N, C-alpha and C. Protein backbone atom coordinates (compact mmCIF):
# COMPACT_ATOMS: atom_id res chain seq x y z
N MET A 1 -198.17 62.16 127.42
CA MET A 1 -198.08 63.17 125.59
C MET A 1 -199.40 61.75 125.28
N LYS A 2 -199.27 62.38 124.37
CA LYS A 2 -200.05 61.51 123.49
C LYS A 2 -199.47 61.26 122.30
N GLN A 3 -199.49 60.02 121.07
CA GLN A 3 -198.26 60.02 120.45
C GLN A 3 -199.27 59.45 119.22
N ASN A 4 -198.75 60.32 118.18
CA ASN A 4 -199.44 60.03 117.09
C ASN A 4 -199.75 58.16 116.18
N THR A 5 -200.77 58.36 116.25
CA THR A 5 -200.67 56.54 116.00
C THR A 5 -200.32 56.52 114.21
N SER A 6 -201.00 56.87 113.69
CA SER A 6 -200.69 57.40 112.16
C SER A 6 -198.85 56.75 111.98
N THR A 7 -198.17 58.24 112.75
CA THR A 7 -197.30 57.52 112.52
C THR A 7 -196.00 56.72 113.49
N THR A 8 -196.25 56.24 114.41
CA THR A 8 -195.84 55.03 114.55
C THR A 8 -196.14 53.75 113.94
N GLY A 9 -197.32 53.92 113.75
CA GLY A 9 -197.75 53.13 112.95
C GLY A 9 -197.44 52.74 111.91
N SER A 10 -197.05 53.60 110.80
CA SER A 10 -196.15 53.50 109.89
C SER A 10 -194.89 53.26 109.82
N THR A 11 -193.96 52.96 111.15
CA THR A 11 -192.79 53.25 111.22
C THR A 11 -192.85 52.04 111.77
N VAL A 12 -193.61 51.11 112.57
CA VAL A 12 -193.27 50.12 112.48
C VAL A 12 -193.50 49.40 111.54
N LYS A 13 -194.91 49.50 110.78
CA LYS A 13 -194.69 48.82 109.18
C LYS A 13 -193.14 48.78 108.65
N ALA A 14 -193.31 49.79 108.56
CA ALA A 14 -191.43 50.29 107.50
C ALA A 14 -190.63 48.93 108.66
N ARG A 15 -190.41 49.04 109.54
CA ARG A 15 -189.66 48.09 110.41
C ARG A 15 -189.68 47.04 109.63
N ARG A 16 -191.00 46.29 109.84
CA ARG A 16 -191.54 45.49 109.74
C ARG A 16 -191.10 44.64 108.45
N GLU A 17 -191.15 44.94 107.10
CA GLU A 17 -191.05 45.86 105.51
C GLU A 17 -189.70 45.60 105.74
N GLN A 18 -188.38 46.09 106.25
CA GLN A 18 -187.09 45.93 106.11
C GLN A 18 -186.48 44.57 106.91
N ALA A 19 -187.57 44.56 107.85
CA ALA A 19 -187.07 43.32 108.43
C ALA A 19 -187.46 42.01 107.77
N ALA A 20 -188.79 41.80 107.27
CA ALA A 20 -188.44 40.57 105.68
C ALA A 20 -188.07 40.72 104.80
N TYR A 21 -187.78 41.77 104.13
CA TYR A 21 -186.66 42.05 103.01
C TYR A 21 -185.34 41.49 103.38
N ARG A 22 -184.86 41.98 104.56
CA ARG A 22 -183.33 41.36 105.12
C ARG A 22 -183.84 39.56 105.47
N ARG A 23 -184.84 38.72 105.81
CA ARG A 23 -185.00 37.35 105.55
C ARG A 23 -185.10 37.10 104.37
N TYR A 24 -185.72 37.73 103.23
CA TYR A 24 -185.89 37.73 101.96
C TYR A 24 -184.29 37.13 101.54
N VAL A 25 -183.95 37.95 101.35
CA VAL A 25 -182.31 38.21 101.09
C VAL A 25 -181.28 36.85 101.72
N VAL A 26 -181.33 36.63 102.49
CA VAL A 26 -180.87 35.76 103.58
C VAL A 26 -181.08 34.28 102.89
N ARG A 27 -181.98 33.97 102.99
CA ARG A 27 -182.66 33.17 101.83
C ARG A 27 -182.18 32.65 100.47
N GLN A 28 -182.59 33.70 99.79
CA GLN A 28 -182.27 33.72 98.24
C GLN A 28 -180.45 33.78 98.38
N LEU A 29 -179.79 34.32 99.04
CA LEU A 29 -178.54 33.91 99.09
C LEU A 29 -178.03 32.67 99.50
N GLY A 30 -178.57 31.91 100.43
CA GLY A 30 -178.11 30.67 101.25
C GLY A 30 -177.14 30.83 101.84
N PRO A 31 -175.90 30.09 101.33
CA PRO A 31 -174.44 29.87 102.74
C PRO A 31 -173.49 30.74 101.67
N GLN A 32 -173.60 31.75 100.65
CA GLN A 32 -172.72 32.27 100.07
C GLN A 32 -172.31 33.70 100.90
N GLN A 33 -170.77 33.47 101.02
CA GLN A 33 -170.42 34.58 101.40
C GLN A 33 -169.09 35.54 100.72
N VAL A 34 -169.28 36.89 100.41
CA VAL A 34 -167.82 37.41 99.87
C VAL A 34 -166.13 36.53 100.46
N GLY A 35 -165.51 35.78 99.61
CA GLY A 35 -164.67 35.08 99.56
C GLY A 35 -164.36 33.44 98.93
N GLY A 36 -166.17 33.15 99.80
CA GLY A 36 -166.08 31.82 99.09
C GLY A 36 -165.68 31.48 97.65
N ILE A 37 -165.80 30.42 96.93
CA ILE A 37 -166.03 29.50 96.29
C ILE A 37 -167.35 28.29 96.17
N TYR A 38 -168.10 28.74 94.89
CA TYR A 38 -169.07 27.74 94.76
C TYR A 38 -169.33 27.24 93.73
N ARG A 39 -170.34 25.98 93.28
CA ARG A 39 -170.62 25.36 92.15
C ARG A 39 -172.18 25.09 91.83
N CYS A 40 -172.38 26.51 91.01
CA CYS A 40 -173.34 25.93 90.52
C CYS A 40 -174.39 24.99 89.66
N GLY A 41 -174.97 24.54 90.27
CA GLY A 41 -175.56 23.21 89.63
C GLY A 41 -176.43 23.05 88.38
N TYR A 42 -176.59 24.59 87.94
CA TYR A 42 -177.52 24.87 86.66
C TYR A 42 -176.56 24.75 85.61
N TRP A 43 -175.26 26.07 86.12
CA TRP A 43 -174.28 25.71 84.47
C TRP A 43 -173.18 25.21 84.54
N ASN A 44 -172.94 24.62 85.61
CA ASN A 44 -171.68 23.20 86.47
C ASN A 44 -170.34 23.99 86.22
N ASP A 45 -170.74 25.62 87.18
CA ASP A 45 -169.60 26.84 86.92
C ASP A 45 -169.25 26.75 87.93
N VAL A 46 -167.80 26.75 88.38
CA VAL A 46 -167.13 27.25 89.89
C VAL A 46 -166.97 28.46 90.18
N TYR A 47 -167.73 29.58 90.79
CA TYR A 47 -166.94 30.44 90.80
C TYR A 47 -166.81 31.30 92.24
N GLU A 48 -166.43 32.63 92.42
CA GLU A 48 -165.88 32.89 93.57
C GLU A 48 -166.75 33.91 93.69
N VAL A 49 -166.78 34.38 95.03
CA VAL A 49 -168.12 35.27 95.11
C VAL A 49 -167.34 36.81 95.47
N LEU A 50 -167.43 38.01 94.58
CA LEU A 50 -166.66 38.98 95.29
C LEU A 50 -167.34 40.03 95.99
N ALA A 51 -168.45 39.99 96.02
CA ALA A 51 -169.54 41.10 96.50
C ALA A 51 -170.79 40.51 96.42
N ILE A 52 -171.31 41.01 97.91
CA ILE A 52 -172.59 40.69 97.79
C ILE A 52 -173.34 42.39 98.14
N ARG A 53 -174.34 42.43 97.69
CA ARG A 53 -175.07 43.83 98.01
C ARG A 53 -176.61 43.57 98.64
N THR A 54 -177.09 44.12 99.50
CA THR A 54 -177.57 43.36 99.89
C THR A 54 -179.03 44.45 100.27
N GLU A 55 -179.31 45.89 99.80
CA GLU A 55 -179.71 46.58 99.17
C GLU A 55 -181.00 46.62 98.69
N SER A 56 -182.00 47.08 98.39
CA SER A 56 -182.74 46.55 97.17
C SER A 56 -182.48 47.08 96.18
N PRO A 57 -182.73 46.57 95.00
CA PRO A 57 -182.61 45.02 94.89
C PRO A 57 -181.72 44.57 95.15
N TRP A 58 -181.44 43.13 95.62
CA TRP A 58 -180.42 42.36 96.66
C TRP A 58 -179.71 42.00 95.13
N GLN A 59 -178.04 41.91 95.17
CA GLN A 59 -177.37 41.25 94.00
C GLN A 59 -176.03 40.69 94.47
N ILE A 60 -175.61 39.92 93.65
CA ILE A 60 -174.09 39.02 94.16
C ILE A 60 -173.36 39.26 93.01
N SER A 61 -171.74 39.73 92.96
CA SER A 61 -171.13 39.88 91.45
C SER A 61 -169.99 38.76 92.22
N VAL A 62 -170.02 37.48 90.85
CA VAL A 62 -168.92 36.53 91.13
C VAL A 62 -168.07 36.73 89.45
N ARG A 63 -167.52 36.02 89.97
CA ARG A 63 -166.31 35.30 88.57
C ARG A 63 -165.83 34.05 89.10
N THR A 64 -166.14 33.29 87.29
CA THR A 64 -166.01 31.83 87.33
C THR A 64 -164.11 31.81 87.01
N LEU A 65 -163.76 30.95 88.38
CA LEU A 65 -162.43 30.75 88.51
C LEU A 65 -161.32 30.40 87.12
N GLY A 66 -160.82 31.08 86.88
CA GLY A 66 -159.98 31.29 85.47
C GLY A 66 -160.41 32.14 84.95
N GLU A 67 -161.38 33.10 84.89
CA GLU A 67 -161.64 33.96 84.30
C GLU A 67 -161.56 35.57 84.64
N THR A 68 -161.63 36.22 83.56
CA THR A 68 -161.75 37.72 84.39
C THR A 68 -163.08 38.25 84.65
N ARG A 69 -163.52 37.87 83.83
CA ARG A 69 -164.73 39.15 83.58
C ARG A 69 -166.35 38.55 84.62
N ILE A 70 -166.52 40.00 85.09
CA ILE A 70 -167.20 39.49 86.61
C ILE A 70 -168.75 39.77 86.21
N ARG A 71 -169.96 39.39 86.72
CA ARG A 71 -171.00 38.87 86.30
C ARG A 71 -171.65 39.02 87.73
N THR A 72 -172.73 40.62 87.81
CA THR A 72 -173.19 40.63 88.82
C THR A 72 -175.54 40.10 88.40
N HIS A 73 -175.87 39.13 89.66
CA HIS A 73 -176.88 39.13 88.59
C HIS A 73 -177.59 38.57 90.33
N CYS A 74 -179.03 37.82 90.49
CA CYS A 74 -180.00 38.32 91.17
C CYS A 74 -180.41 36.79 91.07
N THR A 75 -179.39 35.36 91.19
CA THR A 75 -180.32 34.35 91.12
C THR A 75 -180.34 34.02 92.60
N ALA A 76 -181.47 33.40 92.41
CA ALA A 76 -181.21 32.58 93.67
C ALA A 76 -180.01 31.56 93.88
N TRP A 77 -180.02 30.95 95.61
CA TRP A 77 -179.20 30.01 95.86
C TRP A 77 -180.37 28.98 95.48
N ASP A 78 -179.46 27.55 95.23
CA ASP A 78 -180.49 26.27 94.52
C ASP A 78 -180.12 25.43 96.07
N GLU A 79 -180.55 25.51 96.70
CA GLU A 79 -180.37 24.21 97.82
C GLU A 79 -180.27 22.59 97.12
N ARG A 80 -180.76 22.55 95.93
CA ARG A 80 -180.82 20.97 95.51
C ARG A 80 -179.38 20.95 94.55
N ARG A 81 -179.06 21.70 93.70
CA ARG A 81 -178.12 21.87 92.99
C ARG A 81 -176.97 22.26 92.98
N ASP A 82 -176.67 23.51 94.16
CA ASP A 82 -175.89 24.10 93.99
C ASP A 82 -174.79 23.96 95.63
N ARG A 83 -173.29 23.64 94.96
CA ARG A 83 -172.95 23.45 96.75
C ARG A 83 -171.54 24.96 97.10
N VAL A 84 -171.54 24.20 98.22
CA VAL A 84 -170.50 24.65 98.55
C VAL A 84 -168.79 23.92 98.87
N LEU A 85 -167.78 24.64 97.39
CA LEU A 85 -167.01 24.24 97.96
C LEU A 85 -165.29 24.73 99.08
N ALA A 86 -166.09 25.80 99.13
CA ALA A 86 -165.00 25.76 100.04
C ALA A 86 -165.29 27.18 100.63
N GLU A 87 -164.79 27.22 101.60
CA GLU A 87 -165.57 28.83 102.35
C GLU A 87 -164.48 29.61 102.17
N PRO A 88 -164.83 31.12 102.73
CA PRO A 88 -163.85 32.31 102.46
C PRO A 88 -162.72 32.12 103.56
N GLY A 89 -161.53 32.58 103.12
CA GLY A 89 -159.95 32.43 103.82
C GLY A 89 -159.16 31.10 103.57
N ALA A 90 -158.17 30.51 104.04
CA ALA A 90 -157.37 29.44 103.78
C ALA A 90 -157.77 28.83 102.86
N ALA A 91 -158.96 28.24 102.94
CA ALA A 91 -159.47 26.35 102.05
C ALA A 91 -159.67 27.55 101.18
N ALA A 92 -160.42 28.66 100.79
CA ALA A 92 -160.99 28.99 99.29
C ALA A 92 -159.87 30.14 98.40
N LEU A 93 -158.28 29.75 98.97
CA LEU A 93 -157.25 30.15 98.78
C LEU A 93 -156.85 28.56 98.54
N THR A 94 -156.18 27.89 98.74
CA THR A 94 -156.24 26.13 98.57
C THR A 94 -156.62 25.64 97.53
N PHE A 95 -158.24 26.20 97.57
CA PHE A 95 -158.93 25.01 96.15
C PHE A 95 -159.05 26.26 95.32
N TRP A 96 -158.70 27.27 95.30
CA TRP A 96 -158.58 28.45 93.83
C TRP A 96 -156.69 27.54 93.60
N ALA A 97 -156.01 27.65 94.36
CA ALA A 97 -155.19 27.33 93.31
C ALA A 97 -155.06 26.17 92.77
N GLU A 98 -155.45 25.18 93.53
CA GLU A 98 -155.62 24.01 93.23
C GLU A 98 -156.48 23.67 91.86
N HIS A 99 -157.39 24.32 92.02
CA HIS A 99 -158.46 24.46 90.84
C HIS A 99 -157.08 24.73 89.20
N THR A 100 -156.38 26.05 89.97
CA THR A 100 -155.98 27.42 88.16
C THR A 100 -154.86 26.06 88.01
N LEU A 101 -154.20 25.36 88.75
CA LEU A 101 -153.07 24.48 88.68
C LEU A 101 -153.86 22.83 87.59
N ALA A 102 -154.94 22.56 88.11
CA ALA A 102 -155.78 21.44 87.35
C ALA A 102 -156.11 21.79 85.83
N ALA A 103 -157.00 22.98 86.59
CA ALA A 103 -157.68 23.03 84.93
C ALA A 103 -157.32 23.09 84.05
N PRO A 104 -157.98 23.07 82.22
CA PRO A 104 -157.18 23.13 81.43
C PRO A 104 -156.81 24.50 80.51
N ALA A 105 -155.91 24.69 80.80
CA ALA A 105 -155.40 26.41 80.12
C ALA A 105 -155.87 27.11 78.83
N ALA A 106 -157.02 27.53 79.48
CA ALA A 106 -158.15 27.59 77.89
C ALA A 106 -158.04 29.54 77.75
N SER A 107 -157.76 29.50 79.10
CA SER A 107 -157.46 31.99 78.42
C SER A 107 -156.83 31.88 79.01
N GLY A 108 -155.99 34.01 78.92
CA GLY A 108 -154.70 33.83 79.11
C GLY A 108 -154.91 33.96 80.66
N ALA A 109 -156.08 34.58 81.24
CA ALA A 109 -156.26 34.77 82.77
C ALA A 109 -156.04 33.60 83.45
N LEU A 110 -156.38 32.40 82.83
CA LEU A 110 -155.93 31.71 83.64
C LEU A 110 -154.42 31.24 83.49
N LEU A 111 -153.97 31.09 82.26
CA LEU A 111 -152.15 31.36 82.24
C LEU A 111 -151.51 32.51 82.85
N GLU A 112 -152.11 33.41 83.52
CA GLU A 112 -151.84 34.50 84.03
C GLU A 112 -151.16 34.17 85.13
N GLN A 113 -152.80 33.44 85.50
CA GLN A 113 -152.99 33.17 87.30
C GLN A 113 -151.36 32.32 87.46
N ARG A 114 -151.82 31.24 86.72
CA ARG A 114 -150.70 30.24 87.07
C ARG A 114 -149.02 30.58 86.66
N HIS A 115 -149.42 31.10 86.30
CA HIS A 115 -147.66 32.02 86.49
C HIS A 115 -147.55 32.90 87.60
N VAL A 116 -148.09 33.29 87.96
CA VAL A 116 -148.01 34.19 89.83
C VAL A 116 -148.32 32.79 90.81
N LEU A 117 -148.84 31.53 90.32
CA LEU A 117 -148.99 31.00 91.45
C LEU A 117 -147.23 30.33 91.15
N ASP A 118 -146.84 29.51 90.07
CA ASP A 118 -145.30 29.32 90.09
C ASP A 118 -144.47 30.65 90.34
N GLU A 119 -144.37 31.96 90.74
CA GLU A 119 -143.50 32.49 90.98
C GLU A 119 -143.59 32.55 92.38
N ALA A 120 -144.76 32.58 93.12
CA ALA A 120 -144.52 31.95 94.49
C ALA A 120 -144.44 30.69 95.48
N ALA A 121 -144.35 29.46 93.98
CA ALA A 121 -143.82 29.05 94.70
C ALA A 121 -142.52 28.90 94.65
N HIS A 122 -141.58 29.42 93.70
CA HIS A 122 -139.74 29.55 93.16
C HIS A 122 -139.72 30.58 93.40
N PRO A 123 -140.00 31.49 94.61
CA PRO A 123 -139.11 32.83 94.68
C PRO A 123 -137.49 32.82 94.68
N ALA A 124 -137.11 31.85 95.01
CA ALA A 124 -135.96 31.80 94.72
C ALA A 124 -135.29 31.43 93.19
N THR A 125 -135.47 30.66 92.30
CA THR A 125 -135.89 31.57 90.98
C THR A 125 -136.24 32.62 90.12
N VAL A 126 -137.07 33.11 90.84
CA VAL A 126 -137.93 34.23 90.57
C VAL A 126 -136.56 35.56 91.11
N ALA A 127 -136.19 35.60 92.21
CA ALA A 127 -135.10 36.42 92.51
C ALA A 127 -134.04 36.33 91.22
N ALA A 128 -133.37 34.92 91.01
CA ALA A 128 -132.18 34.85 89.70
C ALA A 128 -132.29 35.37 89.18
N PHE A 129 -133.97 35.11 88.26
CA PHE A 129 -134.08 35.70 86.96
C PHE A 129 -133.79 37.31 86.87
N SER A 130 -134.03 37.88 88.28
CA SER A 130 -134.40 39.32 88.28
C SER A 130 -133.28 39.59 88.49
N GLU A 131 -132.40 39.20 88.85
CA GLU A 131 -130.90 39.97 89.37
C GLU A 131 -130.18 39.35 88.08
N LEU A 132 -130.23 38.95 87.13
CA LEU A 132 -130.09 38.12 85.98
C LEU A 132 -130.63 39.58 85.18
N ALA A 133 -131.59 39.62 84.42
CA ALA A 133 -132.24 40.73 84.17
C ALA A 133 -131.60 42.12 84.20
N ARG A 134 -131.39 42.37 86.13
CA ARG A 134 -131.06 43.60 86.42
C ARG A 134 -129.75 44.34 85.83
N THR A 135 -128.56 43.30 85.57
CA THR A 135 -127.14 43.30 86.04
C THR A 135 -127.15 43.16 83.63
N ALA A 136 -127.63 42.44 83.24
CA ALA A 136 -127.82 42.40 82.06
C ALA A 136 -128.47 43.75 81.57
N GLN A 137 -129.38 44.19 82.26
CA GLN A 137 -130.00 45.20 81.66
C GLN A 137 -130.99 45.55 80.89
N ILE A 138 -131.59 44.09 81.64
CA ILE A 138 -132.50 44.04 80.30
C ILE A 138 -134.05 44.79 81.06
N SER A 139 -134.72 44.78 80.19
CA SER A 139 -136.64 45.11 80.88
C SER A 139 -137.42 44.92 80.34
């Protein structure tokens, strides 16, 4: 059976273009992964990666630690200036907690995050206050 060379050629070309685009996105993202914490060398911002979209146009959603605002952009990783601070997982959680406790409390979001960390660190005290509020019928 004879193949239609124009269809086969366009399919091969489309696959090559898709593969080239995937390689381009990987280069743009650098080592960034969802859940990791990084420092932007340009803004000197410490941020957490929340989402990565690889379809065209690629984009990355980040949140500066201690803030609630989420930013989406397509700025490439700069190997000379940007830094990996913590890989996704336990290291990122530890880094986030240490950063939250050490940073000056300049925003309501940071104060709220500190409160959550304080409750996690002192469950018996939180339980005692909860019980006191229940018995005193404080809501």
